ModelCIF file with pLDDT and N, C-alpha, C, O atoms, coordinates in Angstrom:
data_MODEL
#
_entry.id   MODEL 
#
_entity.id                         1 
_entity.type                       polymer 
_entity.pdbx_number_of_molecules   1 
#
_entity_poly.entity_id                      1 
_entity_poly.type                           'polypeptide(L)' 
_entity_poly.nstd_linkage                   no 
_entity_poly.nstd_monomer                   no 
_entity_poly.pdbx_seq_one_letter_code       
;(UNK)(UNK)(UNK)(UNK)(UNK)(UNK)(UNK)(UNK)(UNK)(UNK)(UNK)(UNK)(UNK)(UNK)(UNK)(UNK)
(UNK)(UNK)(UNK)(UNK)(UNK)(UNK)(UNK)(UNK)(UNK)(UNK)(UNK)(UNK)(UNK)(UNK)(UNK)(UNK)
(UNK)(UNK)(UNK)(UNK)(UNK)(UNK)(UNK)(UNK)(UNK)(UNK)
;
_entity_poly.pdbx_seq_one_letter_code_can   XXXXXXXXXXXXXXXXXXXXXXXXXXXXXXXXXXXXXXXXXX 
_entity_poly.pdbx_strand_id                 A 
#
loop_
_entity_poly_seq.entity_id 
_entity_poly_seq.num 
_entity_poly_seq.mon_id 
_entity_poly_seq.hetero 
1 1  UNK n 
1 2  UNK n 
1 3  UNK n 
1 4  UNK n 
1 5  UNK n 
1 6  UNK n 
1 7  UNK n 
1 8  UNK n 
1 9  UNK n 
1 10 UNK n 
1 11 UNK n 
1 12 UNK n 
1 13 UNK n 
1 14 UNK n 
1 15 UNK n 
1 16 UNK n 
1 17 UNK n 
1 18 UNK n 
1 19 UNK n 
1 20 UNK n 
1 21 UNK n 
1 22 UNK n 
1 23 UNK n 
1 24 UNK n 
1 25 UNK n 
1 26 UNK n 
1 27 UNK n 
1 28 UNK n 
1 29 UNK n 
1 30 UNK n 
1 31 UNK n 
1 32 UNK n 
1 33 UNK n 
1 34 UNK n 
1 35 UNK n 
1 36 UNK n 
1 37 UNK n 
1 38 UNK n 
1 39 UNK n 
1 40 UNK n 
1 41 UNK n 
1 42 UNK n 
#
_struct_asym.id          A 
_struct_asym.entity_id   1 
#
loop_
_ma_qa_metric.id 
_ma_qa_metric.mode 
_ma_qa_metric.name 
_ma_qa_metric.software_group_id 
_ma_qa_metric.type 
1 global pLDDT . pLDDT 
2 local  pLDDT . pLDDT 
#
_ma_qa_metric_global.metric_id      1 
_ma_qa_metric_global.metric_value   92.10 
_ma_qa_metric_global.model_id       1 
_ma_qa_metric_global.ordinal_id     1 
#
loop_
_ma_qa_metric_local.label_asym_id 
_ma_qa_metric_local.label_comp_id 
_ma_qa_metric_local.label_seq_id 
_ma_qa_metric_local.metric_id 
_ma_qa_metric_local.metric_value 
_ma_qa_metric_local.model_id 
_ma_qa_metric_local.ordinal_id 
A UNK 1  2 93.00 1 1  
A UNK 2  2 93.00 1 2  
A UNK 3  2 90.00 1 3  
A UNK 4  2 92.00 1 4  
A UNK 5  2 94.00 1 5  
A UNK 6  2 92.00 1 6  
A UNK 7  2 93.00 1 7  
A UNK 8  2 93.00 1 8  
A UNK 9  2 95.00 1 9  
A UNK 10 2 95.00 1 10 
A UNK 11 2 94.00 1 11 
A UNK 12 2 95.00 1 12 
A UNK 13 2 95.00 1 13 
A UNK 14 2 92.00 1 14 
A UNK 15 2 92.00 1 15 
A UNK 16 2 93.00 1 16 
A UNK 17 2 86.00 1 17 
A UNK 18 2 93.00 1 18 
A UNK 19 2 95.00 1 19 
A UNK 20 2 96.00 1 20 
A UNK 21 2 96.00 1 21 
A UNK 22 2 97.00 1 22 
A UNK 23 2 97.00 1 23 
A UNK 24 2 96.00 1 24 
A UNK 25 2 97.00 1 25 
A UNK 26 2 96.00 1 26 
A UNK 27 2 94.00 1 27 
A UNK 28 2 94.00 1 28 
A UNK 29 2 90.00 1 29 
A UNK 30 2 89.00 1 30 
A UNK 31 2 82.00 1 31 
A UNK 32 2 77.00 1 32 
A UNK 33 2 76.00 1 33 
A UNK 34 2 75.00 1 34 
A UNK 35 2 82.00 1 35 
A UNK 36 2 88.00 1 36 
A UNK 37 2 94.00 1 37 
A UNK 38 2 96.00 1 38 
A UNK 39 2 97.00 1 39 
A UNK 40 2 98.00 1 40 
A UNK 41 2 98.00 1 41 
A UNK 42 2 98.00 1 42 
#
loop_
_atom_site.group_PDB 
_atom_site.id 
_atom_site.type_symbol 
_atom_site.label_atom_id 
_atom_site.label_alt_id 
_atom_site.label_comp_id 
_atom_site.label_asym_id 
_atom_site.label_entity_id 
_atom_site.label_seq_id 
_atom_site.pdbx_PDB_ins_code 
_atom_site.Cartn_x 
_atom_site.Cartn_y 
_atom_site.Cartn_z 
_atom_site.occupancy 
_atom_site.B_iso_or_equiv 
_atom_site.pdbx_formal_charge 
_atom_site.auth_seq_id 
_atom_site.auth_comp_id 
_atom_site.auth_asym_id 
_atom_site.auth_atom_id 
_atom_site.pdbx_PDB_model_num 
ATOM 1   N N  . UNK A 1 1  ? -5.234  3.634  -11.948 1.00 93.00 ? 1  UNK A N  1 
ATOM 2   C CA . UNK A 1 1  ? -5.107  4.417  -12.062 1.00 93.00 ? 1  UNK A CA 1 
ATOM 3   C C  . UNK A 1 1  ? -4.610  5.019  -10.912 1.00 93.00 ? 1  UNK A C  1 
ATOM 4   O O  . UNK A 1 1  ? -5.396  5.219  -9.986  1.00 93.00 ? 1  UNK A O  1 
ATOM 5   N N  . UNK A 1 2  ? -3.270  5.390  -10.790 1.00 93.00 ? 2  UNK A N  1 
ATOM 6   C CA . UNK A 1 2  ? -2.283  5.910  -10.213 1.00 93.00 ? 2  UNK A CA 1 
ATOM 7   C C  . UNK A 1 2  ? -3.618  7.330  -9.256  1.00 93.00 ? 2  UNK A C  1 
ATOM 8   O O  . UNK A 1 2  ? -3.617  7.634  -8.063  1.00 93.00 ? 2  UNK A O  1 
ATOM 9   N N  . UNK A 1 3  ? -4.403  7.779  -10.200 1.00 90.00 ? 3  UNK A N  1 
ATOM 10  C CA . UNK A 1 3  ? -5.030  8.437  -9.012  1.00 90.00 ? 3  UNK A CA 1 
ATOM 11  C C  . UNK A 1 3  ? -6.422  8.191  -8.604  1.00 90.00 ? 3  UNK A C  1 
ATOM 12  O O  . UNK A 1 3  ? -7.195  9.084  -8.258  1.00 90.00 ? 3  UNK A O  1 
ATOM 13  N N  . UNK A 1 4  ? -6.614  7.336  -8.643  1.00 92.00 ? 4  UNK A N  1 
ATOM 14  C CA . UNK A 1 4  ? -7.501  6.259  -7.745  1.00 92.00 ? 4  UNK A CA 1 
ATOM 15  C C  . UNK A 1 4  ? -7.248  5.219  -6.409  1.00 92.00 ? 4  UNK A C  1 
ATOM 16  O O  . UNK A 1 4  ? -7.795  4.501  -5.572  1.00 92.00 ? 4  UNK A O  1 
ATOM 17  N N  . UNK A 1 5  ? -6.002  5.730  -6.904  1.00 94.00 ? 5  UNK A N  1 
ATOM 18  C CA . UNK A 1 5  ? -5.730  4.222  -5.150  1.00 94.00 ? 5  UNK A CA 1 
ATOM 19  C C  . UNK A 1 5  ? -5.775  5.229  -3.992  1.00 94.00 ? 5  UNK A C  1 
ATOM 20  O O  . UNK A 1 5  ? -5.422  6.391  -4.191  1.00 94.00 ? 5  UNK A O  1 
ATOM 21  N N  . UNK A 1 6  ? -6.075  4.938  -3.143  1.00 92.00 ? 6  UNK A N  1 
ATOM 22  C CA . UNK A 1 6  ? -6.138  5.811  -1.311  1.00 92.00 ? 6  UNK A CA 1 
ATOM 23  C C  . UNK A 1 6  ? -4.769  6.551  -1.422  1.00 92.00 ? 6  UNK A C  1 
ATOM 24  O O  . UNK A 1 6  ? -3.868  6.233  -2.198  1.00 92.00 ? 6  UNK A O  1 
ATOM 25  N N  . UNK A 1 7  ? -4.753  7.236  -0.832  1.00 93.00 ? 7  UNK A N  1 
ATOM 26  C CA . UNK A 1 7  ? -3.808  8.072  -0.301  1.00 93.00 ? 7  UNK A CA 1 
ATOM 27  C C  . UNK A 1 7  ? -2.591  7.304  0.778   1.00 93.00 ? 7  UNK A C  1 
ATOM 28  O O  . UNK A 1 7  ? -1.524  7.917  0.825   1.00 93.00 ? 7  UNK A O  1 
ATOM 29  N N  . UNK A 1 8  ? -2.671  6.258  1.474   1.00 93.00 ? 8  UNK A N  1 
ATOM 30  C CA . UNK A 1 8  ? -2.068  5.061  1.549   1.00 93.00 ? 8  UNK A CA 1 
ATOM 31  C C  . UNK A 1 8  ? -1.081  4.215  0.811   1.00 93.00 ? 8  UNK A C  1 
ATOM 32  O O  . UNK A 1 8  ? 0.133   4.047  0.701   1.00 93.00 ? 8  UNK A O  1 
ATOM 33  N N  . UNK A 1 9  ? -2.440  3.685  0.278   1.00 95.00 ? 9  UNK A N  1 
ATOM 34  C CA . UNK A 1 9  ? -1.374  2.423  -1.019  1.00 95.00 ? 9  UNK A CA 1 
ATOM 35  C C  . UNK A 1 9  ? -0.464  3.874  -2.032  1.00 95.00 ? 9  UNK A C  1 
ATOM 36  O O  . UNK A 1 9  ? 0.508   3.709  -2.768  1.00 95.00 ? 9  UNK A O  1 
ATOM 37  N N  . UNK A 1 10 ? -1.022  4.917  -1.801  1.00 95.00 ? 10 UNK A N  1 
ATOM 38  C CA . UNK A 1 10 ? 0.075   5.650  -3.128  1.00 95.00 ? 10 UNK A CA 1 
ATOM 39  C C  . UNK A 1 10 ? 0.848   6.195  -2.504  1.00 95.00 ? 10 UNK A C  1 
ATOM 40  O O  . UNK A 1 10 ? 1.540   6.929  -3.208  1.00 95.00 ? 10 UNK A O  1 
ATOM 41  N N  . UNK A 1 11 ? 1.210   6.221  -1.027  1.00 94.00 ? 11 UNK A N  1 
ATOM 42  C CA . UNK A 1 11 ? 2.375   6.391  -0.883  1.00 94.00 ? 11 UNK A CA 1 
ATOM 43  C C  . UNK A 1 11 ? 2.637   5.091  -1.244  1.00 94.00 ? 11 UNK A C  1 
ATOM 44  O O  . UNK A 1 11 ? 2.223   4.676  -2.326  1.00 94.00 ? 11 UNK A O  1 
ATOM 45  N N  . UNK A 1 12 ? 3.438   4.190  -0.291  1.00 95.00 ? 12 UNK A N  1 
ATOM 46  C CA . UNK A 1 12 ? 3.664   3.062  -0.598  1.00 95.00 ? 12 UNK A CA 1 
ATOM 47  C C  . UNK A 1 12 ? 3.669   3.113  -2.202  1.00 95.00 ? 12 UNK A C  1 
ATOM 48  O O  . UNK A 1 12 ? 2.486   2.776  -2.258  1.00 95.00 ? 12 UNK A O  1 
ATOM 49  N N  . UNK A 1 13 ? 3.975   3.238  -3.382  1.00 95.00 ? 13 UNK A N  1 
ATOM 50  C CA . UNK A 1 13 ? 3.987   3.202  -4.978  1.00 95.00 ? 13 UNK A CA 1 
ATOM 51  C C  . UNK A 1 13 ? 4.648   3.730  -4.905  1.00 95.00 ? 13 UNK A C  1 
ATOM 52  O O  . UNK A 1 13 ? 5.702   3.095  -4.936  1.00 95.00 ? 13 UNK A O  1 
ATOM 53  N N  . UNK A 1 14 ? 4.885   5.563  -4.714  1.00 92.00 ? 14 UNK A N  1 
ATOM 54  C CA . UNK A 1 14 ? 5.607   6.259  -4.791  1.00 92.00 ? 14 UNK A CA 1 
ATOM 55  C C  . UNK A 1 14 ? 7.057   5.489  -4.855  1.00 92.00 ? 14 UNK A C  1 
ATOM 56  O O  . UNK A 1 14 ? 7.790   5.448  -5.843  1.00 92.00 ? 14 UNK A O  1 
ATOM 57  N N  . UNK A 1 15 ? 7.384   4.695  -3.155  1.00 92.00 ? 15 UNK A N  1 
ATOM 58  C CA . UNK A 1 15 ? 8.786   4.481  -3.105  1.00 92.00 ? 15 UNK A CA 1 
ATOM 59  C C  . UNK A 1 15 ? 9.304   3.247  -4.312  1.00 92.00 ? 15 UNK A C  1 
ATOM 60  O O  . UNK A 1 15 ? 10.480  2.895  -4.404  1.00 92.00 ? 15 UNK A O  1 
ATOM 61  N N  . UNK A 1 16 ? 8.334   2.765  -5.071  1.00 93.00 ? 16 UNK A N  1 
ATOM 62  C CA . UNK A 1 16 ? 8.960   1.150  -6.147  1.00 93.00 ? 16 UNK A CA 1 
ATOM 63  C C  . UNK A 1 16 ? 8.796   1.731  -6.967  1.00 93.00 ? 16 UNK A C  1 
ATOM 64  O O  . UNK A 1 16 ? 7.805   2.313  -7.408  1.00 93.00 ? 16 UNK A O  1 
ATOM 65  N N  . UNK A 1 17 ? 10.070  1.607  -7.357  1.00 86.00 ? 17 UNK A N  1 
ATOM 66  C CA . UNK A 1 17 ? 11.219  1.961  -9.041  1.00 86.00 ? 17 UNK A CA 1 
ATOM 67  C C  . UNK A 1 17 ? 10.701  0.569  -9.811  1.00 86.00 ? 17 UNK A C  1 
ATOM 68  O O  . UNK A 1 17 ? 9.738   0.872  -10.515 1.00 86.00 ? 17 UNK A O  1 
ATOM 69  N N  . UNK A 1 18 ? 11.016  -0.850 -9.912  1.00 93.00 ? 18 UNK A N  1 
ATOM 70  C CA . UNK A 1 18 ? 10.688  -1.653 -10.714 1.00 93.00 ? 18 UNK A CA 1 
ATOM 71  C C  . UNK A 1 18 ? 9.918   -2.146 -10.236 1.00 93.00 ? 18 UNK A C  1 
ATOM 72  O O  . UNK A 1 18 ? 9.618   -1.824 -9.087  1.00 93.00 ? 18 UNK A O  1 
ATOM 73  N N  . UNK A 1 19 ? 8.933   -3.637 -11.227 1.00 95.00 ? 19 UNK A N  1 
ATOM 74  C CA . UNK A 1 19 ? 8.227   -4.491 -11.944 1.00 95.00 ? 19 UNK A CA 1 
ATOM 75  C C  . UNK A 1 19 ? 8.845   -5.205 -10.388 1.00 95.00 ? 19 UNK A C  1 
ATOM 76  O O  . UNK A 1 19 ? 9.757   -4.629 -9.794  1.00 95.00 ? 19 UNK A O  1 
ATOM 77  N N  . UNK A 1 20 ? 8.409   -6.129 -9.996  1.00 96.00 ? 20 UNK A N  1 
ATOM 78  C CA . UNK A 1 20 ? 8.491   -7.533 -8.803  1.00 96.00 ? 20 UNK A CA 1 
ATOM 79  C C  . UNK A 1 20 ? 9.396   -6.310 -7.447  1.00 96.00 ? 20 UNK A C  1 
ATOM 80  O O  . UNK A 1 20 ? 10.425  -6.658 -6.868  1.00 96.00 ? 20 UNK A O  1 
ATOM 81  N N  . UNK A 1 21 ? 8.926   -5.378 -7.283  1.00 96.00 ? 21 UNK A N  1 
ATOM 82  C CA . UNK A 1 21 ? 9.909   -5.299 -5.725  1.00 96.00 ? 21 UNK A CA 1 
ATOM 83  C C  . UNK A 1 21 ? 8.031   -4.982 -5.322  1.00 96.00 ? 21 UNK A C  1 
ATOM 84  O O  . UNK A 1 21 ? 6.875   -4.854 -5.724  1.00 96.00 ? 21 UNK A O  1 
ATOM 85  N N  . UNK A 1 22 ? 8.970   -5.008 -4.235  1.00 97.00 ? 22 UNK A N  1 
ATOM 86  C CA . UNK A 1 22 ? 8.090   -6.059 -2.839  1.00 97.00 ? 22 UNK A CA 1 
ATOM 87  C C  . UNK A 1 22 ? 8.514   -4.491 -1.799  1.00 97.00 ? 22 UNK A C  1 
ATOM 88  O O  . UNK A 1 22 ? 9.630   -3.988 -1.666  1.00 97.00 ? 22 UNK A O  1 
ATOM 89  N N  . UNK A 1 23 ? 7.086   -3.987 -1.145  1.00 97.00 ? 23 UNK A N  1 
ATOM 90  C CA . UNK A 1 23 ? 7.869   -3.177 0.083   1.00 97.00 ? 23 UNK A CA 1 
ATOM 91  C C  . UNK A 1 23 ? 7.984   -3.190 1.491   1.00 97.00 ? 23 UNK A C  1 
ATOM 92  O O  . UNK A 1 23 ? 8.001   -4.385 1.787   1.00 97.00 ? 23 UNK A O  1 
ATOM 93  N N  . UNK A 1 24 ? 8.093   -2.353 2.770   1.00 96.00 ? 24 UNK A N  1 
ATOM 94  C CA . UNK A 1 24 ? 8.362   -2.977 3.185   1.00 96.00 ? 24 UNK A CA 1 
ATOM 95  C C  . UNK A 1 24 ? 6.743   -2.509 4.665   1.00 96.00 ? 24 UNK A C  1 
ATOM 96  O O  . UNK A 1 24 ? 5.998   -1.530 4.626   1.00 96.00 ? 24 UNK A O  1 
ATOM 97  N N  . UNK A 1 25 ? 6.747   -2.990 5.112   1.00 97.00 ? 25 UNK A N  1 
ATOM 98  C CA . UNK A 1 25 ? 5.464   -3.466 6.375   1.00 97.00 ? 25 UNK A CA 1 
ATOM 99  C C  . UNK A 1 25 ? 5.393   -1.516 6.492   1.00 97.00 ? 25 UNK A C  1 
ATOM 100 O O  . UNK A 1 25 ? 6.207   -0.675 6.873   1.00 97.00 ? 25 UNK A O  1 
ATOM 101 N N  . UNK A 1 26 ? 3.370   -1.415 5.709   1.00 96.00 ? 26 UNK A N  1 
ATOM 102 C CA . UNK A 1 26 ? 3.283   0.254  6.024   1.00 96.00 ? 26 UNK A CA 1 
ATOM 103 C C  . UNK A 1 26 ? 1.341   -0.926 7.053   1.00 96.00 ? 26 UNK A C  1 
ATOM 104 O O  . UNK A 1 26 ? 0.687   -1.969 7.103   1.00 96.00 ? 26 UNK A O  1 
ATOM 105 N N  . UNK A 1 27 ? 1.553   0.773  7.663   1.00 94.00 ? 27 UNK A N  1 
ATOM 106 C CA . UNK A 1 27 ? 0.260   -0.066 8.333   1.00 94.00 ? 27 UNK A CA 1 
ATOM 107 C C  . UNK A 1 27 ? -1.212  1.048  7.773   1.00 94.00 ? 27 UNK A C  1 
ATOM 108 O O  . UNK A 1 27 ? -1.243  2.233  7.441   1.00 94.00 ? 27 UNK A O  1 
ATOM 109 N N  . UNK A 1 28 ? -1.945  0.327  7.845   1.00 94.00 ? 28 UNK A N  1 
ATOM 110 C CA . UNK A 1 28 ? -3.147  0.787  6.874   1.00 94.00 ? 28 UNK A CA 1 
ATOM 111 C C  . UNK A 1 28 ? -4.273  0.795  7.398   1.00 94.00 ? 28 UNK A C  1 
ATOM 112 O O  . UNK A 1 28 ? -4.217  -0.180 8.147   1.00 94.00 ? 28 UNK A O  1 
ATOM 113 N N  . UNK A 1 29 ? -5.745  1.457  7.563   1.00 90.00 ? 29 UNK A N  1 
ATOM 114 C CA . UNK A 1 29 ? -7.068  0.944  7.204   1.00 90.00 ? 29 UNK A CA 1 
ATOM 115 C C  . UNK A 1 29 ? -8.113  -0.500 6.999   1.00 90.00 ? 29 UNK A C  1 
ATOM 116 O O  . UNK A 1 29 ? -9.104  -0.270 6.306   1.00 90.00 ? 29 UNK A O  1 
ATOM 117 N N  . UNK A 1 30 ? -8.024  -1.514 7.371   1.00 89.00 ? 30 UNK A N  1 
ATOM 118 C CA . UNK A 1 30 ? -8.380  -2.750 6.690   1.00 89.00 ? 30 UNK A CA 1 
ATOM 119 C C  . UNK A 1 30 ? -9.792  -2.130 6.636   1.00 89.00 ? 30 UNK A C  1 
ATOM 120 O O  . UNK A 1 30 ? -10.430 -2.163 7.689   1.00 89.00 ? 30 UNK A O  1 
ATOM 121 N N  . UNK A 1 31 ? -10.317 -1.618 5.644   1.00 82.00 ? 31 UNK A N  1 
ATOM 122 C CA . UNK A 1 31 ? -11.732 -1.353 5.625   1.00 82.00 ? 31 UNK A CA 1 
ATOM 123 C C  . UNK A 1 31 ? -12.852 -2.042 5.717   1.00 82.00 ? 31 UNK A C  1 
ATOM 124 O O  . UNK A 1 31 ? -13.935 -1.543 6.023   1.00 82.00 ? 31 UNK A O  1 
ATOM 125 N N  . UNK A 1 32 ? -12.579 -3.723 5.349   1.00 77.00 ? 32 UNK A N  1 
ATOM 126 C CA . UNK A 1 32 ? -13.636 -4.422 4.826   1.00 77.00 ? 32 UNK A CA 1 
ATOM 127 C C  . UNK A 1 32 ? -13.771 -5.249 6.970   1.00 77.00 ? 32 UNK A C  1 
ATOM 128 O O  . UNK A 1 32 ? -14.478 -6.219 7.242   1.00 77.00 ? 32 UNK A O  1 
ATOM 129 N N  . UNK A 1 33 ? -12.976 -4.549 7.934   1.00 76.00 ? 33 UNK A N  1 
ATOM 130 C CA . UNK A 1 33 ? -12.651 -5.813 8.886   1.00 76.00 ? 33 UNK A CA 1 
ATOM 131 C C  . UNK A 1 33 ? -13.036 -4.221 9.642   1.00 76.00 ? 33 UNK A C  1 
ATOM 132 O O  . UNK A 1 33 ? -13.952 -4.206 10.463  1.00 76.00 ? 33 UNK A O  1 
ATOM 133 N N  . UNK A 1 34 ? -12.268 -2.871 9.306   1.00 75.00 ? 34 UNK A N  1 
ATOM 134 C CA . UNK A 1 34 ? -12.525 -1.716 10.019  1.00 75.00 ? 34 UNK A CA 1 
ATOM 135 C C  . UNK A 1 34 ? -12.011 -1.992 11.523  1.00 75.00 ? 34 UNK A C  1 
ATOM 136 O O  . UNK A 1 34 ? -12.538 -2.015 12.635  1.00 75.00 ? 34 UNK A O  1 
ATOM 137 N N  . UNK A 1 35 ? -10.103 -2.281 10.751  1.00 82.00 ? 35 UNK A N  1 
ATOM 138 C CA . UNK A 1 35 ? -9.287  -2.815 11.885  1.00 82.00 ? 35 UNK A CA 1 
ATOM 139 C C  . UNK A 1 35 ? -7.580  -2.300 11.168  1.00 82.00 ? 35 UNK A C  1 
ATOM 140 O O  . UNK A 1 35 ? -7.111  -2.515 10.050  1.00 82.00 ? 35 UNK A O  1 
ATOM 141 N N  . UNK A 1 36 ? -7.036  -1.612 12.292  1.00 88.00 ? 36 UNK A N  1 
ATOM 142 C CA . UNK A 1 36 ? -5.401  -1.405 11.814  1.00 88.00 ? 36 UNK A CA 1 
ATOM 143 C C  . UNK A 1 36 ? -5.212  -2.382 11.182  1.00 88.00 ? 36 UNK A C  1 
ATOM 144 O O  . UNK A 1 36 ? -6.012  -3.236 11.567  1.00 88.00 ? 36 UNK A O  1 
ATOM 145 N N  . UNK A 1 37 ? -4.572  -2.760 10.387  1.00 94.00 ? 37 UNK A N  1 
ATOM 146 C CA . UNK A 1 37 ? -3.959  -3.748 10.106  1.00 94.00 ? 37 UNK A CA 1 
ATOM 147 C C  . UNK A 1 37 ? -1.797  -3.011 9.191   1.00 94.00 ? 37 UNK A C  1 
ATOM 148 O O  . UNK A 1 37 ? -1.312  -1.898 8.988   1.00 94.00 ? 37 UNK A O  1 
ATOM 149 N N  . UNK A 1 38 ? -1.430  -4.078 9.033   1.00 96.00 ? 38 UNK A N  1 
ATOM 150 C CA . UNK A 1 38 ? -0.102  -4.013 8.109   1.00 96.00 ? 38 UNK A CA 1 
ATOM 151 C C  . UNK A 1 38 ? -0.257  -4.609 7.531   1.00 96.00 ? 38 UNK A C  1 
ATOM 152 O O  . UNK A 1 38 ? -1.041  -5.552 7.644   1.00 96.00 ? 38 UNK A O  1 
ATOM 153 N N  . UNK A 1 39 ? 0.734   -4.221 6.220   1.00 97.00 ? 39 UNK A N  1 
ATOM 154 C CA . UNK A 1 39 ? 0.546   -5.459 4.844   1.00 97.00 ? 39 UNK A CA 1 
ATOM 155 C C  . UNK A 1 39 ? 2.451   -4.813 4.064   1.00 97.00 ? 39 UNK A C  1 
ATOM 156 O O  . UNK A 1 39 ? 3.390   -4.044 4.268   1.00 97.00 ? 39 UNK A O  1 
ATOM 157 N N  . UNK A 1 40 ? 1.984   -5.742 3.252   1.00 98.00 ? 40 UNK A N  1 
ATOM 158 C CA . UNK A 1 40 ? 3.952   -5.686 2.515   1.00 98.00 ? 40 UNK A CA 1 
ATOM 159 C C  . UNK A 1 40 ? 3.128   -5.685 1.398   1.00 98.00 ? 40 UNK A C  1 
ATOM 160 O O  . UNK A 1 40 ? 2.067   -6.307 1.460   1.00 98.00 ? 40 UNK A O  1 
ATOM 161 N N  . UNK A 1 41 ? 3.499   -4.972 0.183   1.00 98.00 ? 41 UNK A N  1 
ATOM 162 C CA . UNK A 1 41 ? 2.871   -4.684 -1.206  1.00 98.00 ? 41 UNK A CA 1 
ATOM 163 C C  . UNK A 1 41 ? 3.618   -4.639 -2.353  1.00 98.00 ? 41 UNK A C  1 
ATOM 164 O O  . UNK A 1 41 ? 4.622   -3.941 -2.501  1.00 98.00 ? 41 UNK A O  1 
ATOM 165 N N  . UNK A 1 42 ? 3.035   -5.541 -3.346  1.00 98.00 ? 42 UNK A N  1 
ATOM 166 C CA . UNK A 1 42 ? 4.243   -6.171 -4.230  1.00 98.00 ? 42 UNK A CA 1 
ATOM 167 C C  . UNK A 1 42 ? 3.763   -5.107 -5.865  1.00 98.00 ? 42 UNK A C  1 
ATOM 168 O O  . UNK A 1 42 ? 4.425   -5.228 -6.896  1.00 98.00 ? 42 UNK A O  1 
#
């Protein structure tokens, strides 16, 4: 559910308008390693 996405991911998803869309690189905190990281999301 959209309301369970973390804020960083929620902001990425809001800019997607169709299935298969791949976002531009965005920064986020990779919690499993406690590191700043970048990702593209489909």
